[in-house]
PDB file of all heavy atoms in Angstrom:
ATOM      1  N   PHE A   1      19.735  51.034  11.907  1.00  0.00           N
ATOM      2  CA  PHE A   1      20.514  50.106  12.726  1.00  0.00           C
ATOM      3  C   PHE A   1      21.752  50.774  13.326  1.00  0.00           C
ATOM      4  O   PHE A   1      22.610  50.084  13.875  1.00  0.00           O
ATOM      5  CB  PHE A   1      20.970  48.910  11.880  1.00  0.00           C
ATOM      6  CG  PHE A   1      19.870  48.195  11.180  1.00  0.00           C
ATOM      7  CD1 PHE A   1      19.989  47.826   9.846  1.00  0.00           C
ATOM      8  CD2 PHE A   1      18.693  47.878  11.842  1.00  0.00           C
ATOM      9  CE1 PHE A   1      18.977  47.152   9.190  1.00  0.00           C
ATOM     10  CE2 PHE A   1      17.666  47.192  11.198  1.00  0.00           C
ATOM     11  CZ  PHE A   1      17.802  46.844   9.863  1.00  0.00           C
ATOM     12  N   ALA A   2      21.869  52.087  13.221  1.00  0.00           N
ATOM     13  CA  ALA A   2      23.111  52.757  13.604  1.00  0.00           C
ATOM     14  C   ALA A   2      22.832  53.965  14.487  1.00  0.00           C
ATOM     15  O   ALA A   2      21.682  54.405  14.654  1.00  0.00           O
ATOM     16  CB  ALA A   2      23.875  53.179  12.364  1.00  0.00           C
ATOM     17  N   GLY A   3      23.909  54.523  15.024  1.00  0.00           N
ATOM     18  CA  GLY A   3      23.800  55.747  15.807  1.00  0.00           C
ATOM     19  C   GLY A   3      22.915  55.564  17.024  1.00  0.00           C
ATOM     20  O   GLY A   3      23.070  54.607  17.781  1.00  0.00           O
ATOM     21  N   GLN A   4      21.962  56.474  17.205  1.00  0.00           N
ATOM     22  CA  GLN A   4      21.135  56.451  18.409  1.00  0.00           C
ATOM     23  C   GLN A   4      20.329  55.158  18.515  1.00  0.00           C
ATOM     24  O   GLN A   4      20.157  54.616  19.617  1.00  0.00           O
ATOM     25  CB  GLN A   4      20.185  57.650  18.422  1.00  0.00           C
ATOM     26  CG  GLN A   4      19.434  57.807  19.738  1.00  0.00           C
ATOM     27  CD  GLN A   4      20.382  57.963  20.919  1.00  0.00           C
ATOM     28  OE1 GLN A   4      21.218  58.852  20.928  1.00  0.00           O
ATOM     29  NE2 GLN A   4      20.246  57.105  21.922  1.00  0.00           N
ATOM     30  N   ALA A   5      19.841  54.629  17.400  1.00  0.00           N
ATOM     31  CA  ALA A   5      19.077  53.378  17.445  1.00  0.00           C
ATOM     32  C   ALA A   5      19.942  52.239  17.986  1.00  0.00           C
ATOM     33  O   ALA A   5      19.495  51.429  18.816  1.00  0.00           O
ATOM     34  CB  ALA A   5      18.552  53.044  16.050  1.00  0.00           C
ATOM     35  N   TYR A   6      21.180  52.160  17.520  1.00  0.00           N
ATOM     36  CA  TYR A   6      22.106  51.111  17.965  1.00  0.00           C
ATOM     37  C   TYR A   6      22.476  51.311  19.429  1.00  0.00           C
ATOM     38  O   TYR A   6      22.441  50.359  20.234  1.00  0.00           O
ATOM     39  CB  TYR A   6      23.347  51.148  17.078  1.00  0.00           C
ATOM     40  CG  TYR A   6      24.345  50.048  17.328  1.00  0.00           C
ATOM     41  CD1 TYR A   6      24.230  48.815  16.692  1.00  0.00           C
ATOM     42  CD2 TYR A   6      25.436  50.248  18.180  1.00  0.00           C
ATOM     43  CE1 TYR A   6      25.165  47.807  16.898  1.00  0.00           C
ATOM     44  CE2 TYR A   6      26.369  49.246  18.390  1.00  0.00           C
ATOM     45  CZ  TYR A   6      26.232  48.027  17.746  1.00  0.00           C
ATOM     46  OH  TYR A   6      27.168  47.036  17.955  1.00  0.00           O
ATOM     47  N   ARG A   7      22.810  52.544  19.794  1.00  0.00           N
ATOM     48  CA  ARG A   7      23.215  52.813  21.171  1.00  0.00           C
ATOM     49  C   ARG A   7      22.082  52.501  22.149  1.00  0.00           C
ATOM     50  O   ARG A   7      22.299  51.950  23.239  1.00  0.00           O
ATOM     51  CB  ARG A   7      23.669  54.265  21.316  1.00  0.00           C
ATOM     52  CG  ARG A   7      24.942  54.577  20.526  1.00  0.00           C
ATOM     53  CD  ARG A   7      25.506  55.936  20.871  1.00  0.00           C
ATOM     54  NE  ARG A   7      24.653  57.049  20.472  1.00  0.00           N
ATOM     55  CZ  ARG A   7      24.723  57.660  19.298  1.00  0.00           C
ATOM     56  NH1 ARG A   7      25.599  57.252  18.371  1.00  0.00           N
ATOM     57  NH2 ARG A   7      23.935  58.684  19.012  1.00  0.00           N
ATOM     58  N   THR A   8      20.859  52.854  21.768  1.00  0.00           N
ATOM     59  CA  THR A   8      19.709  52.576  22.625  1.00  0.00           C
ATOM     60  C   THR A   8      19.494  51.081  22.794  1.00  0.00           C
ATOM     61  O   THR A   8      19.215  50.592  23.899  1.00  0.00           O
ATOM     62  CB  THR A   8      18.443  53.226  22.041  1.00  0.00           C
ATOM     63  OG1 THR A   8      18.614  54.647  22.019  1.00  0.00           O
ATOM     64  CG2 THR A   8      17.216  52.876  22.867  1.00  0.00           C
ATOM     65  N   ALA A   9      19.650  50.328  21.692  1.00  0.00           N
ATOM     66  CA  ALA A   9      19.461  48.871  21.756  1.00  0.00           C
ATOM     67  C   ALA A   9      20.501  48.211  22.647  1.00  0.00           C
ATOM     68  O   ALA A   9      20.175  47.343  23.472  1.00  0.00           O
ATOM     69  CB  ALA A   9      19.515  48.284  20.343  1.00  0.00           C
ATOM     70  N   ILE A  10      21.762  48.614  22.498  1.00  0.00           N
ATOM     71  CA  ILE A  10      22.814  48.026  23.322  1.00  0.00           C
ATOM     72  C   ILE A  10      22.619  48.404  24.784  1.00  0.00           C
ATOM     73  O   ILE A  10      22.731  47.561  25.694  1.00  0.00           O
ATOM     74  CB  ILE A  10      24.198  48.478  22.831  1.00  0.00           C
ATOM     75  CG1 ILE A  10      24.447  47.993  21.381  1.00  0.00           C
ATOM     76  CG2 ILE A  10      25.294  47.972  23.767  1.00  0.00           C
ATOM     77  CD1 ILE A  10      24.439  46.501  21.207  1.00  0.00           C
ATOM     78  N   SER A  11      22.299  49.653  25.043  1.00  0.00           N
ATOM     79  CA  SER A  11      22.089  50.103  26.421  1.00  0.00           C
ATOM     80  C   SER A  11      20.912  49.363  27.068  1.00  0.00           C
ATOM     81  O   SER A  11      20.969  48.983  28.244  1.00  0.00           O
ATOM     82  CB  SER A  11      21.851  51.609  26.465  1.00  0.00           C
ATOM     83  OG  SER A  11      22.988  52.312  25.994  1.00  0.00           O
ATOM     84  N   SER A  12      19.851  49.144  26.306  1.00  0.00           N
ATOM     85  CA  SER A  12      18.683  48.430  26.834  1.00  0.00           C
ATOM     86  C   SER A  12      19.036  46.985  27.163  1.00  0.00           C
ATOM     87  O   SER A  12      18.583  46.434  28.181  1.00  0.00           O
ATOM     88  CB  SER A  12      17.531  48.482  25.827  1.00  0.00           C
ATOM     89  OG  SER A  12      17.093  49.808  25.625  1.00  0.00           O
ATOM     90  N   TYR A  13      19.841  46.363  26.309  1.00  0.00           N
ATOM     91  CA  TYR A  13      20.255  44.985  26.558  1.00  0.00           C
ATOM     92  C   TYR A  13      21.123  44.898  27.821  1.00  0.00           C
ATOM     93  O   TYR A  13      20.948  44.007  28.649  1.00  0.00           O
ATOM     94  CB  TYR A  13      21.010  44.440  25.349  1.00  0.00           C
ATOM     95  CG  TYR A  13      21.413  42.997  25.495  1.00  0.00           C
ATOM     96  CD1 TYR A  13      20.460  42.002  25.651  1.00  0.00           C
ATOM     97  CD2 TYR A  13      22.750  42.626  25.476  1.00  0.00           C
ATOM     98  CE1 TYR A  13      20.824  40.673  25.789  1.00  0.00           C
ATOM     99  CE2 TYR A  13      23.123  41.302  25.604  1.00  0.00           C
ATOM    100  CZ  TYR A  13      22.158  40.324  25.763  1.00  0.00           C
ATOM    101  OH  TYR A  13      22.521  39.014  25.902  1.00  0.00           O
ATOM    102  N   VAL A  14      22.038  45.830  27.973  1.00  0.00           N
ATOM    103  CA  VAL A  14      22.887  45.847  29.164  1.00  0.00           C
ATOM    104  C   VAL A  14      22.029  46.026  30.418  1.00  0.00           C
ATOM    105  O   VAL A  14      22.248  45.352  31.437  1.00  0.00           O
ATOM    106  CB  VAL A  14      23.956  46.946  29.048  1.00  0.00           C
ATOM    107  CG1 VAL A  14      24.647  47.190  30.379  1.00  0.00           C
ATOM    108  CG2 VAL A  14      24.990  46.563  27.983  1.00  0.00           C
ATOM    109  N   ARG A  15      21.046  46.916  30.365  1.00  0.00           N
ATOM    110  CA  ARG A  15      20.153  47.093  31.518  1.00  0.00           C
ATOM    111  C   ARG A  15      19.393  45.813  31.833  1.00  0.00           C
ATOM    112  O   ARG A  15      19.202  45.465  33.005  1.00  0.00           O
ATOM    113  CB  ARG A  15      19.172  48.234  31.259  1.00  0.00           C
ATOM    114  CG  ARG A  15      19.747  49.616  31.485  1.00  0.00           C
ATOM    115  CD  ARG A  15      18.638  50.660  31.620  1.00  0.00           C
ATOM    116  NE  ARG A  15      17.738  50.649  30.477  1.00  0.00           N
ATOM    117  CZ  ARG A  15      17.960  51.347  29.360  1.00  0.00           C
ATOM    118  NH1 ARG A  15      19.044  52.093  29.245  1.00  0.00           N
ATOM    119  NH2 ARG A  15      17.085  51.306  28.367  1.00  0.00           N
ATOM    120  N   ALA A  16      18.970  45.112  30.795  1.00  0.00           N
ATOM    121  CA  ALA A  16      18.239  43.859  31.005  1.00  0.00           C
ATOM    122  C   ALA A  16      19.134  42.808  31.663  1.00  0.00           C
ATOM    123  O   ALA A  16      18.678  42.045  32.530  1.00  0.00           O
ATOM    124  CB  ALA A  16      17.694  43.339  29.670  1.00  0.00           C
ATOM    125  N   LEU A  17      20.406  42.769  31.272  1.00  0.00           N
ATOM    126  CA  LEU A  17      21.349  41.865  31.937  1.00  0.00           C
ATOM    127  C   LEU A  17      21.508  42.243  33.404  1.00  0.00           C
ATOM    128  O   LEU A  17      21.426  41.388  34.292  1.00  0.00           O
ATOM    129  CB  LEU A  17      22.719  41.929  31.248  1.00  0.00           C
ATOM    130  CG  LEU A  17      22.825  41.322  29.847  1.00  0.00           C
ATOM    131  CD1 LEU A  17      24.151  41.711  29.213  1.00  0.00           C
ATOM    132  CD2 LEU A  17      22.687  39.796  29.904  1.00  0.00           C
ATOM    133  N   ASN A  18      21.719  43.512  33.648  1.00  0.00           N
ATOM    134  CA  ASN A  18      21.888  43.987  35.023  1.00  0.00           C
ATOM    135  C   ASN A  18      20.659  43.683  35.873  1.00  0.00           C
ATOM    136  O   ASN A  18      20.784  43.335  37.057  1.00  0.00           O
ATOM    137  CB  ASN A  18      22.166  45.486  35.046  1.00  0.00           C
ATOM    138  CG  ASN A  18      23.504  45.889  34.451  1.00  0.00           C
ATOM    139  OD1 ASN A  18      23.744  47.076  34.210  1.00  0.00           O
ATOM    140  ND2 ASN A  18      24.391  44.941  34.199  1.00  0.00           N
ATOM    141  N   ASP A  19      19.490  43.816  35.292  1.00  0.00           N
ATOM    142  CA  ASP A  19      18.249  43.559  36.028  1.00  0.00           C
ATOM    143  C   ASP A  19      18.150  42.108  36.484  1.00  0.00           C
ATOM    144  O   ASP A  19      17.454  41.794  37.447  1.00  0.00           O
ATOM    145  CB  ASP A  19      17.027  43.914  35.173  1.00  0.00           C
ATOM    146  CG  ASP A  19      16.834  45.411  35.001  1.00  0.00           C
ATOM    147  OD1 ASP A  19      17.475  46.181  35.752  1.00  0.00           O
ATOM    148  OD2 ASP A  19      16.066  45.805  34.110  1.00  0.00           O
ATOM    149  N   GLN A  20      18.853  41.210  35.773  1.00  0.00           N
ATOM    150  CA  GLN A  20      18.885  39.801  36.140  1.00  0.00           C
ATOM    151  C   GLN A  20      20.089  39.474  37.025  1.00  0.00           C
ATOM    152  O   GLN A  20      20.409  38.295  37.251  1.00  0.00           O
ATOM    153  CB  GLN A  20      18.911  38.927  34.875  1.00  0.00           C
ATOM    154  CG  GLN A  20      17.654  38.969  34.050  1.00  0.00           C
ATOM    155  CD  GLN A  20      16.468  38.358  34.767  1.00  0.00           C
ATOM    156  OE1 GLN A  20      16.602  37.364  35.487  1.00  0.00           O
ATOM    157  NE2 GLN A  20      15.280  38.943  34.593  1.00  0.00           N
ATOM    158  N   GLY A  21      20.778  40.502  37.517  1.00  0.00           N
ATOM    159  CA  GLY A  21      21.925  40.286  38.384  1.00  0.00           C
ATOM    160  C   GLY A  21      23.188  39.899  37.649  1.00  0.00           C
ATOM    161  O   GLY A  21      24.100  39.320  38.244  1.00  0.00           O
ATOM    162  N   ILE A  22      23.267  40.233  36.361  1.00  0.00           N
ATOM    163  CA  ILE A  22      24.408  39.852  35.521  1.00  0.00           C
ATOM    164  C   ILE A  22      25.201  41.099  35.162  1.00  0.00           C
ATOM    165  O   ILE A  22      24.640  42.080  34.670  1.00  0.00           O
ATOM    166  CB  ILE A  22      23.922  39.137  34.249  1.00  0.00           C
ATOM    167  CG1 ILE A  22      23.197  37.837  34.609  1.00  0.00           C
ATOM    168  CG2 ILE A  22      25.090  38.844  33.317  1.00  0.00           C
ATOM    169  CD1 ILE A  22      22.555  37.134  33.420  1.00  0.00           C
ATOM    170  N   TYR A  23      26.506  41.053  35.392  1.00  0.00           N
ATOM    171  CA  TYR A  23      27.378  42.139  34.957  1.00  0.00           C
ATOM    172  C   TYR A  23      27.530  42.091  33.442  1.00  0.00           C
ATOM    173  O   TYR A  23      27.311  41.050  32.809  1.00  0.00           O
ATOM    174  CB  TYR A  23      28.764  42.004  35.588  1.00  0.00           C
ATOM    175  CG  TYR A  23      28.820  42.336  37.057  1.00  0.00           C
ATOM    176  CD1 TYR A  23      28.437  41.408  38.029  1.00  0.00           C
ATOM    177  CD2 TYR A  23      29.285  43.582  37.473  1.00  0.00           C
ATOM    178  CE1 TYR A  23      28.500  41.713  39.371  1.00  0.00           C
ATOM    179  CE2 TYR A  23      29.355  43.897  38.830  1.00  0.00           C
ATOM    180  CZ  TYR A  23      28.957  42.946  39.769  1.00  0.00           C
ATOM    181  OH  TYR A  23      29.021  43.256  41.100  1.00  0.00           O
ATOM    182  N   ALA A  24      27.934  43.212  32.864  1.00  0.00           N
ATOM    183  CA  ALA A  24      28.176  43.279  31.428  1.00  0.00           C
ATOM    184  C   ALA A  24      29.590  43.802  31.171  1.00  0.00           C
ATOM    185  O   ALA A  24      30.058  44.704  31.866  1.00  0.00           O
ATOM    186  CB  ALA A  24      27.164  44.192  30.741  1.00  0.00           C
ATOM    187  N   VAL A  25      30.247  43.211  30.185  1.00  0.00           N
ATOM    188  CA  VAL A  25      31.519  43.719  29.662  1.00  0.00           C
ATOM    189  C   VAL A  25      31.243  44.233  28.253  1.00  0.00           C
ATOM    190  O   VAL A  25      30.951  43.441  27.357  1.00  0.00           O
ATOM    191  CB  VAL A  25      32.609  42.630  29.620  1.00  0.00           C
ATOM    192  CG1 VAL A  25      33.883  43.191  28.980  1.00  0.00           C
ATOM    193  CG2 VAL A  25      32.904  42.113  31.015  1.00  0.00           C
ATOM    194  N   VAL A  26      31.281  45.530  28.067  1.00  0.00           N
ATOM    195  CA  VAL A  26      31.096  46.118  26.742  1.00  0.00           C
ATOM    196  C   VAL A  26      32.459  46.193  26.074  1.00  0.00           C
ATOM    197  O   VAL A  26      33.400  46.755  26.640  1.00  0.00           O
ATOM    198  CB  VAL A  26      30.458  47.517  26.844  1.00  0.00           C
ATOM    199  CG1 VAL A  26      30.371  48.173  25.464  1.00  0.00           C
ATOM    200  CG2 VAL A  26      29.073  47.423  27.469  1.00  0.00           C
ATOM    201  N   GLU A  27      32.576  45.606  24.908  1.00  0.00           N
ATOM    202  CA  GLU A  27      33.884  45.565  24.230  1.00  0.00           C
ATOM    203  C   GLU A  27      33.752  45.899  22.761  1.00  0.00           C
ATOM    204  O   GLU A  27      32.729  45.636  22.128  1.00  0.00           O
ATOM    205  CB  GLU A  27      34.555  44.208  24.431  1.00  0.00           C
ATOM    206  CG  GLU A  27      33.833  43.031  23.800  1.00  0.00           C
ATOM    207  CD  GLU A  27      34.399  42.591  22.467  1.00  0.00           C
ATOM    208  OE1 GLU A  27      35.351  43.234  21.960  1.00  0.00           O
ATOM    209  OE2 GLU A  27      33.877  41.613  21.907  1.00  0.00           O
ATOM    210  N   VAL A  28      34.807  46.497  22.211  1.00  0.00           N
ATOM    211  CA  VAL A  28      34.838  46.844  20.789  1.00  0.00           C
ATOM    212  C   VAL A  28      35.401  45.657  20.020  1.00  0.00           C
ATOM    213  O   VAL A  28      36.548  45.258  20.214  1.00  0.00           O
ATOM    214  CB  VAL A  28      35.681  48.107  20.536  1.00  0.00           C
ATOM    215  CG1 VAL A  28      35.755  48.392  19.048  1.00  0.00           C
ATOM    216  CG2 VAL A  28      35.083  49.285  21.283  1.00  0.00           C
ATOM    217  N   HIS A  29      34.584  45.108  19.124  1.00  0.00           N
ATOM    218  CA  HIS A  29      34.947  43.883  18.418  1.00  0.00           C
ATOM    219  C   HIS A  29      35.292  44.143  16.948  1.00  0.00           C
ATOM    220  O   HIS A  29      36.298  43.660  16.454  1.00  0.00           O
ATOM    221  CB  HIS A  29      33.795  42.882  18.518  1.00  0.00           C
ATOM    222  CG  HIS A  29      34.212  41.453  18.483  1.00  0.00           C
ATOM    223  ND1 HIS A  29      34.656  40.778  19.612  1.00  0.00           N
ATOM    224  CD2 HIS A  29      34.268  40.563  17.471  1.00  0.00           C
ATOM    225  CE1 HIS A  29      34.953  39.532  19.282  1.00  0.00           C
ATOM    226  NE2 HIS A  29      34.722  39.376  17.996  1.00  0.00           N
ATOM    227  N   TRP A  30      34.419  44.887  16.254  1.00  0.00           N
ATOM    228  CA  TRP A  30      34.665  45.219  14.849  1.00  0.00           C
ATOM    229  C   TRP A  30      34.875  46.723  14.727  1.00  0.00           C
ATOM    230  O   TRP A  30      34.154  47.515  15.327  1.00  0.00           O
ATOM    231  CB  TRP A  30      33.491  44.800  13.983  1.00  0.00           C
ATOM    232  CG  TRP A  30      33.430  43.324  13.677  1.00  0.00           C
ATOM    233  CD1 TRP A  30      34.159  42.344  14.281  1.00  0.00           C
ATOM    234  CD2 TRP A  30      32.617  42.684  12.699  1.00  0.00           C
ATOM    235  NE1 TRP A  30      33.833  41.124  13.750  1.00  0.00           N
ATOM    236  CE2 TRP A  30      32.893  41.299  12.778  1.00  0.00           C
ATOM    237  CE3 TRP A  30      31.674  43.147  11.788  1.00  0.00           C
ATOM    238  CZ2 TRP A  30      32.256  40.361  11.941  1.00  0.00           C
ATOM    239  CZ3 TRP A  30      31.043  42.223  10.963  1.00  0.00           C
ATOM    240  CH2 TRP A  30      31.332  40.854  11.029  1.00  0.00           C
ATOM    241  N   SER A  31      35.857  47.090  13.932  1.00  0.00           N
ATOM    242  CA  SER A  31      36.179  48.508  13.737  1.00  0.00           C
ATOM    243  C   SER A  31      36.891  48.659  12.399  1.00  0.00           C
ATOM    244  O   SER A  31      37.208  47.669  11.739  1.00  0.00           O
ATOM    245  CB  SER A  31      37.093  49.018  14.870  1.00  0.00           C
ATOM    246  OG  SER A  31      38.311  48.282  14.896  1.00  0.00           O
ATOM    247  N   ALA A  32      37.132  49.900  12.003  1.00  0.00           N
ATOM    248  CA  ALA A  32      37.871  50.168  10.763  1.00  0.00           C
ATOM    249  C   ALA A  32      38.285  51.633  10.748  1.00  0.00           C
ATOM    250  O   ALA A  32      37.592  52.490  11.299  1.00  0.00           O
ATOM    251  CB  ALA A  32      37.007  49.865   9.532  1.00  0.00           C
ATOM    252  N   PRO A  33      39.411  51.940  10.117  1.00  0.00           N
ATOM    253  CA  PRO A  33      39.890  53.321  10.097  1.00  0.00           C
ATOM    254  C   PRO A  33      39.184  54.166   9.037  1.00  0.00           C
ATOM    255  O   PRO A  33      38.655  53.642   8.048  1.00  0.00           O
ATOM    256  CB  PRO A  33      41.369  53.163   9.759  1.00  0.00           C
ATOM    257  CG  PRO A  33      41.416  51.921   8.926  1.00  0.00           C
ATOM    258  CD  PRO A  33      40.372  51.013   9.486  1.00  0.00           C
ATOM    259  N   GLY A  34      39.180  55.464   9.242  1.00  0.00           N
ATOM    260  CA  GLY A  34      38.716  56.409   8.236  1.00  0.00           C
ATOM    261  C   GLY A  34      37.324  56.125   7.741  1.00  0.00           C
ATOM    262  O   GLY A  34      36.386  55.907   8.508  1.00  0.00           O
ATOM    263  N   SER A  35      37.194  56.059   6.414  1.00  0.00           N
ATOM    264  CA  SER A  35      35.888  55.853   5.795  1.00  0.00           C
ATOM    265  C   SER A  35      35.584  54.389   5.501  1.00  0.00           C
ATOM    266  O   SER A  35      34.563  54.070   4.903  1.00  0.00           O
ATOM    267  CB  SER A  35      35.812  56.647   4.485  1.00  0.00           C
ATOM    268  OG  SER A  35      36.829  56.214   3.577  1.00  0.00           O
ATOM    269  N   GLU A  36      36.470  53.470   5.928  1.00  0.00           N
ATOM    270  CA  GLU A  36      36.210  52.045   5.724  1.00  0.00           C
ATOM    271  C   GLU A  36      35.051  51.579   6.603  1.00  0.00           C
ATOM    272  O   GLU A  36      34.893  52.028   7.741  1.00  0.00           O
ATOM    273  CB  GLU A  36      37.453  51.224   6.063  1.00  0.00           C
ATOM    274  CG  GLU A  36      38.634  51.428   5.143  1.00  0.00           C
ATOM    275  CD  GLU A  36      39.817  50.559   5.533  1.00  0.00           C
ATOM    276  OE1 GLU A  36      39.587  49.480   6.130  1.00  0.00           O
ATOM    277  OE2 GLU A  36      40.966  50.965   5.260  1.00  0.00           O
ATOM    278  N   LEU A  37      34.269  50.654   6.082  1.00  0.00           N
ATOM    279  CA  LEU A  37      33.173  50.085   6.856  1.00  0.00           C
ATOM    280  C   LEU A  37      33.714  48.994   7.771  1.00  0.00           C
ATOM    281  O   LEU A  37      34.517  48.158   7.354  1.00  0.00           O
ATOM    282  CB  LEU A  37      32.120  49.503   5.906  1.00  0.00           C
ATOM    283  CG  LEU A  37      30.839  48.964   6.552  1.00  0.00           C
ATOM    284  CD1 LEU A  37      30.101  50.057   7.313  1.00  0.00           C
ATOM    285  CD2 LEU A  37      29.926  48.361   5.479  1.00  0.00           C
ATOM    286  N   ALA A  38      33.282  49.005   9.010  1.00  0.00           N
ATOM    287  CA  ALA A  38      33.782  48.062  10.012  1.00  0.00           C
ATOM    288  C   ALA A  38      33.144  46.698   9.806  1.00  0.00           C
ATOM    289  O   ALA A  38      32.105  46.382  10.391  1.00  0.00           O
ATOM    290  CB  ALA A  38      33.503  48.595  11.414  1.00  0.00           C
ATOM    291  N   ARG A  39      33.810  45.860   9.027  1.00  0.00           N
ATOM    292  CA  ARG A  39      33.293  44.524   8.702  1.00  0.00           C
ATOM    293  C   ARG A  39      34.061  43.401   9.373  1.00  0.00           C
ATOM    294  O   ARG A  39      33.855  42.227   9.046  1.00  0.00           O
ATOM    295  CB  ARG A  39      33.318  44.308   7.183  1.00  0.00           C
ATOM    296  CG  ARG A  39      32.342  45.182   6.403  1.00  0.00           C
ATOM    297  CD  ARG A  39      32.399  44.851   4.924  1.00  0.00           C
ATOM    298  NE  ARG A  39      31.445  45.601   4.126  1.00  0.00           N
ATOM    299  CZ  ARG A  39      30.185  45.219   3.904  1.00  0.00           C
ATOM    300  NH1 ARG A  39      29.746  44.086   4.409  1.00  0.00           N
ATOM    301  NH2 ARG A  39      29.388  45.954   3.155  1.00  0.00           N
ATOM    302  N   GLY A  40      34.982  43.718  10.272  1.00  0.00           N
ATOM    303  CA  GLY A  40      35.745  42.661  10.912  1.00  0.00           C
ATOM    304  C   GLY A  40      36.714  43.222  11.930  1.00  0.00           C
ATOM    305  O   GLY A  40      36.707  44.408  12.234  1.00  0.00           O
ATOM    306  N   GLN A  41      37.549  42.327  12.426  1.00  0.00           N
ATOM    307  CA  GLN A  41      38.547  42.719  13.414  1.00  0.00           C
ATOM    308  C   GLN A  41      39.753  43.345  12.724  1.00  0.00           C
ATOM    309  O   GLN A  41      40.251  42.821  11.726  1.00  0.00           O
ATOM    310  CB  GLN A  41      39.018  41.501  14.212  1.00  0.00           C
ATOM    311  CG  GLN A  41      37.967  40.871  15.081  1.00  0.00           C
ATOM    312  CD  GLN A  41      38.553  39.819  15.989  1.00  0.00           C
ATOM    313  OE1 GLN A  41      39.324  40.125  16.897  1.00  0.00           O
ATOM    314  NE2 GLN A  41      38.172  38.567  15.781  1.00  0.00           N
TER     315      GLN A  41
END
């Protein structure tokens, strides 16, 4: 669910939106510093 698999899935979804004439706003929602797992804002 991470790395290239995740990036490919998001990119494919954005392309599908664009194909329907819809713009996309890609935004960073969950993150975390250092070795912490990004479980929230």
